[in-house]
Amino acid sequence: MTSTALATVAIRPDDPAELGFPPMLPIELALRVAPVREICEAYDISKEEFTALSEDPVFIRAYAAAKEELQKDGVSFRMKAKMQAEELLKKSWALIHSDHTPATIKADLIKATVRWAGYDAKDGVAGGVGTAFQININLGS
C-alpha cells in the first residue's frame, strides 16, 4: 500500500470499523498462504509500510490472535466466518449510514452490532453479569 493507501485505511473517528490495515492481512500472514513479500505485494504494502505496521500494537494483537486461533482450532469454519464478519462490518456501517436504507433495517443492524460487541443487556443487566452499577441519591425526608 502506498502511504496514501495506508491513510485511506487508517483508523478514522467517523468509521470505527476501519482497523488501519486490511483485516485479512494478519490472518493471511498467520496462515502463511504465501511469503510475506508476496502477501504485502497483493495488498500494495511497501517494505517500509510493513515495518511500520508490524510495530502497530493493534496489528500485533490481531496477528497474535490469528496465530493463537490457528494453533487452537486450525483452519476452521469458525475462522473463515470471522474473516467474513470483519469484512461485512464495513457493509453494515455503509448500510446504517445510507439515506436509502429503511429505518427498520438500520435498527436491526445497530441492534446486531451492539449484540456482537457484547454491549447488549443480559438477564436485565446491561453489559452482562457483574458490569452494572447503581447510584442511589437520598434527598432526605
C-alpha atoms as a PDB file:
ATOM      1  CA  MET A   1       0.000   0.000   0.000  1.00  0.00           C
ATOM      2  CA  THR A   2       1.257   3.438  -0.733  1.00  0.00           C
ATOM      3  CA  SER A   3       1.259   5.945   2.096  1.00  0.00           C
ATOM      4  CA  THR A   4      -1.925   7.445   0.667  1.00  0.00           C
ATOM      5  CA  ALA A   5      -3.477   3.984   0.610  1.00  0.00           C
ATOM      6  CA  LEU A   6      -2.487   3.443   4.242  1.00  0.00           C
ATOM      7  CA  ALA A   7      -4.035   6.789   5.103  1.00  0.00           C
ATOM      8  CA  THR A   8      -7.233   5.557   3.486  1.00  0.00           C
ATOM      9  CA  VAL A   9      -7.418   2.544   5.808  1.00  0.00           C
ATOM     10  CA  ALA A  10      -6.118   4.327   8.889  1.00  0.00           C
ATOM     11  CA  ILE A  11      -8.417   4.389  11.883  1.00  0.00           C
ATOM     12  CA  ARG A  12     -10.977   7.090  11.290  1.00  0.00           C
ATOM     13  CA  PRO A  13     -13.102   8.501  14.094  1.00  0.00           C
ATOM     14  CA  ASP A  14     -16.082   8.654  11.735  1.00  0.00           C
ATOM     15  CA  ASP A  15     -15.786   4.926  10.907  1.00  0.00           C
ATOM     16  CA  PRO A  16     -14.585   2.707  13.760  1.00  0.00           C
ATOM     17  CA  ALA A  17     -14.977  -0.374  11.550  1.00  0.00           C
ATOM     18  CA  GLU A  18     -11.675   0.616   9.899  1.00  0.00           C
ATOM     19  CA  LEU A  19      -8.697  -1.082  11.544  1.00  0.00           C
ATOM     20  CA  GLY A  20      -5.829   0.810   9.965  1.00  0.00           C
ATOM     21  CA  PHE A  21      -4.802  -2.267   7.931  1.00  0.00           C
ATOM     22  CA  PRO A  22      -6.607  -4.793   5.730  1.00  0.00           C
ATOM     23  CA  PRO A  23      -8.470  -7.120   8.154  1.00  0.00           C
ATOM     24  CA  MET A  24      -7.320 -10.221   6.280  1.00  0.00           C
ATOM     25  CA  LEU A  25      -3.618  -9.290   6.451  1.00  0.00           C
ATOM     26  CA  PRO A  26      -2.806 -10.719   9.917  1.00  0.00           C
ATOM     27  CA  ILE A  27      -4.810 -13.850   9.139  1.00  0.00           C
ATOM     28  CA  GLU A  28      -3.065 -14.443   5.812  1.00  0.00           C
ATOM     29  CA  LEU A  29       0.301 -13.881   7.481  1.00  0.00           C
ATOM     30  CA  ALA A  30      -0.597 -16.343  10.259  1.00  0.00           C
ATOM     31  CA  LEU A  31      -1.820 -18.893   7.707  1.00  0.00           C
ATOM     32  CA  ARG A  32       1.407 -18.431   5.738  1.00  0.00           C
ATOM     33  CA  VAL A  33      -0.531 -18.711   2.494  1.00  0.00           C
ATOM     34  CA  ALA A  34       2.474 -17.150   0.722  1.00  0.00           C
ATOM     35  CA  PRO A  35       5.766 -15.474   1.602  1.00  0.00           C
ATOM     36  CA  VAL A  36       5.374 -12.171   3.478  1.00  0.00           C
ATOM     37  CA  ARG A  37       6.698 -10.252   0.477  1.00  0.00           C
ATOM     38  CA  GLU A  38       4.010 -11.705  -1.818  1.00  0.00           C
ATOM     39  CA  ILE A  39       1.217 -11.066   0.689  1.00  0.00           C
ATOM     40  CA  CYS A  40       2.370  -7.463   1.082  1.00  0.00           C
ATOM     41  CA  GLU A  41       2.571  -7.045  -2.702  1.00  0.00           C
ATOM     42  CA  ALA A  42      -1.013  -8.280  -3.015  1.00  0.00           C
ATOM     43  CA  TYR A  43      -2.100  -5.505  -0.636  1.00  0.00           C
ATOM     44  CA  ASP A  44       0.310  -2.990  -2.243  1.00  0.00           C
ATOM     45  CA  ILE A  45       2.195  -2.576   1.048  1.00  0.00           C
ATOM     46  CA  SER A  46       5.840  -1.476   0.769  1.00  0.00           C
ATOM     47  CA  LYS A  47       8.617  -2.875   2.942  1.00  0.00           C
ATOM     48  CA  GLU A  48       8.748   0.394   4.904  1.00  0.00           C
ATOM     49  CA  GLU A  49       4.983   0.410   5.430  1.00  0.00           C
ATOM     50  CA  PHE A  50       5.027  -3.206   6.601  1.00  0.00           C
ATOM     51  CA  THR A  51       7.864  -2.414   9.022  1.00  0.00           C
ATOM     52  CA  ALA A  52       5.794   0.447  10.483  1.00  0.00           C
ATOM     53  CA  LEU A  53       2.662  -1.716  10.559  1.00  0.00           C
ATOM     54  CA  SER A  54       4.493  -4.529  12.361  1.00  0.00           C
ATOM     55  CA  GLU A  55       5.149  -2.088  15.216  1.00  0.00           C
ATOM     56  CA  ASP A  56       1.463  -1.090  15.488  1.00  0.00           C
ATOM     57  CA  PRO A  57       0.008  -2.545  18.745  1.00  0.00           C
ATOM     58  CA  VAL A  58      -3.398  -3.163  17.127  1.00  0.00           C
ATOM     59  CA  PHE A  59      -1.795  -5.101  14.277  1.00  0.00           C
ATOM     60  CA  ILE A  60       0.437  -7.046  16.673  1.00  0.00           C
ATOM     61  CA  ARG A  61      -2.614  -8.112  18.723  1.00  0.00           C
ATOM     62  CA  ALA A  62      -4.548  -9.064  15.567  1.00  0.00           C
ATOM     63  CA  TYR A  63      -1.648 -11.172  14.309  1.00  0.00           C
ATOM     64  CA  ALA A  64      -1.156 -12.850  17.697  1.00  0.00           C
ATOM     65  CA  ALA A  65      -4.892 -13.605  17.903  1.00  0.00           C
ATOM     66  CA  ALA A  66      -4.857 -15.114  14.405  1.00  0.00           C
ATOM     67  CA  LYS A  67      -1.860 -17.309  15.269  1.00  0.00           C
ATOM     68  CA  GLU A  68      -3.463 -18.415  18.537  1.00  0.00           C
ATOM     69  CA  GLU A  69      -6.736 -19.254  16.792  1.00  0.00           C
ATOM     70  CA  LEU A  70      -4.886 -21.338  14.214  1.00  0.00           C
ATOM     71  CA  GLN A  71      -2.935 -23.224  16.889  1.00  0.00           C
ATOM     72  CA  LYS A  72      -6.109 -23.892  18.839  1.00  0.00           C
ATOM     73  CA  ASP A  73      -8.554 -24.791  16.110  1.00  0.00           C
ATOM     74  CA  GLY A  74      -6.562 -25.000  12.909  1.00  0.00           C
ATOM     75  CA  VAL A  75      -8.112 -23.583   9.754  1.00  0.00           C
ATOM     76  CA  SER A  76     -11.718 -23.964  10.699  1.00  0.00           C
ATOM     77  CA  PHE A  77     -15.143 -22.904   9.564  1.00  0.00           C
ATOM     78  CA  ARG A  78     -15.236 -20.535  12.528  1.00  0.00           C
ATOM     79  CA  MET A  79     -12.026 -18.794  11.399  1.00  0.00           C
ATOM     80  CA  LYS A  80     -13.442 -18.327   7.910  1.00  0.00           C
ATOM     81  CA  ALA A  81     -16.668 -16.929   9.376  1.00  0.00           C
ATOM     82  CA  LYS A  82     -14.654 -14.461  11.476  1.00  0.00           C
ATOM     83  CA  MET A  83     -12.790 -13.291   8.388  1.00  0.00           C
ATOM     84  CA  GLN A  84     -16.071 -12.711   6.572  1.00  0.00           C
ATOM     85  CA  ALA A  85     -17.595 -10.953   9.573  1.00  0.00           C
ATOM     86  CA  GLU A  86     -14.712  -8.460   9.649  1.00  0.00           C
ATOM     87  CA  GLU A  87     -15.351  -7.528   6.042  1.00  0.00           C
ATOM     88  CA  LEU A  88     -19.131  -7.467   6.492  1.00  0.00           C
ATOM     89  CA  LEU A  89     -18.851  -4.853   9.255  1.00  0.00           C
ATOM     90  CA  LYS A  90     -17.904  -2.379   6.522  1.00  0.00           C
ATOM     91  CA  LYS A  91     -21.077  -3.200   4.612  1.00  0.00           C
ATOM     92  CA  SER A  92     -23.142  -2.890   7.783  1.00  0.00           C
ATOM     93  CA  TRP A  93     -21.597   0.524   8.509  1.00  0.00           C
ATOM     94  CA  ALA A  94     -22.370   1.697   4.970  1.00  0.00           C
ATOM     95  CA  LEU A  95     -25.977   0.472   5.167  1.00  0.00           C
ATOM     96  CA  ILE A  96     -26.577   2.086   8.556  1.00  0.00           C
ATOM     97  CA  HIS A  97     -25.351   5.438   7.237  1.00  0.00           C
ATOM     98  CA  SER A  98     -27.113   5.269   3.875  1.00  0.00           C
ATOM     99  CA  ASP A  99     -30.121   7.506   3.320  1.00  0.00           C
ATOM    100  CA  HIS A 100     -31.634   4.742   1.177  1.00  0.00           C
ATOM    101  CA  THR A 101     -31.685   2.070   3.895  1.00  0.00           C
ATOM    102  CA  PRO A 102     -35.081   1.673   5.593  1.00  0.00           C
ATOM    103  CA  ALA A 103     -35.145   2.623   9.282  1.00  0.00           C
ATOM    104  CA  THR A 104     -36.150  -0.920  10.325  1.00  0.00           C
ATOM    105  CA  ILE A 105     -33.055  -2.376   8.617  1.00  0.00           C
ATOM    106  CA  LYS A 106     -30.843   0.272  10.237  1.00  0.00           C
ATOM    107  CA  ALA A 107     -32.331  -0.524  13.650  1.00  0.00           C
ATOM    108  CA  ASP A 108     -31.755  -4.267  13.168  1.00  0.00           C
ATOM    109  CA  LEU A 109     -28.144  -3.706  12.099  1.00  0.00           C
ATOM    110  CA  ILE A 110     -27.489  -1.412  15.053  1.00  0.00           C
ATOM    111  CA  LYS A 111     -29.014  -3.921  17.491  1.00  0.00           C
ATOM    112  CA  ALA A 112     -26.981  -6.739  15.942  1.00  0.00           C
ATOM    113  CA  THR A 113     -23.745  -4.741  16.164  1.00  0.00           C
ATOM    114  CA  VAL A 114     -24.407  -3.942  19.827  1.00  0.00           C
ATOM    115  CA  ARG A 115     -25.099  -7.645  20.494  1.00  0.00           C
ATOM    116  CA  TRP A 116     -21.953  -8.801  18.633  1.00  0.00           C
ATOM    117  CA  ALA A 117     -19.873  -6.315  20.625  1.00  0.00           C
ATOM    118  CA  GLY A 118     -21.274  -7.720  23.868  1.00  0.00           C
ATOM    119  CA  TYR A 119     -22.982  -4.486  24.917  1.00  0.00           C
ATOM    120  CA  ASP A 120     -26.489  -5.917  24.924  1.00  0.00           C
ATOM    121  CA  ALA A 121     -28.457  -6.403  28.143  1.00  0.00           C
ATOM    122  CA  LYS A 122     -28.257  -9.927  29.512  1.00  0.00           C
ATOM    123  CA  ASP A 123     -30.655 -11.069  32.200  1.00  0.00           C
ATOM    124  CA  GLY A 124     -31.727  -7.478  32.759  1.00  0.00           C
ATOM    125  CA  VAL A 125     -28.185  -6.290  33.477  1.00  0.00           C
ATOM    126  CA  ALA A 126     -26.559  -4.062  30.864  1.00  0.00           C
ATOM    127  CA  GLY A 127     -23.244  -5.464  29.664  1.00  0.00           C
ATOM    128  CA  GLY A 128     -23.666  -8.836  31.374  1.00  0.00           C
ATOM    129  CA  VAL A 129     -23.246 -10.079  34.917  1.00  0.00           C
ATOM    130  CA  GLY A 130     -21.001  -8.028  37.163  1.00  0.00           C
ATOM    131  CA  THR A 131     -20.688  -4.969  34.945  1.00  0.00           C
ATOM    132  CA  ALA A 132     -23.671  -2.943  36.141  1.00  0.00           C
ATOM    133  CA  PHE A 133     -23.567  -0.344  38.871  1.00  0.00           C
ATOM    134  CA  GLN A 134     -26.240   1.515  40.742  1.00  0.00           C
ATOM    135  CA  ILE A 135     -26.380   5.063  42.083  1.00  0.00           C
ATOM    136  CA  ASN A 136     -28.757   5.946  44.912  1.00  0.00           C
ATOM    137  CA  ILE A 137     -29.485   9.566  45.697  1.00  0.00           C
ATOM    138  CA  ASN A 138     -31.052  10.267  49.058  1.00  0.00           C
ATOM    139  CA  LEU A 139     -32.805  13.635  49.052  1.00  0.00           C
ATOM    140  CA  GLY A 140     -33.761  13.399  52.689  1.00  0.00           C
ATOM    141  CA  SER A 141     -37.258  13.177  54.107  1.00  0.00           C
END
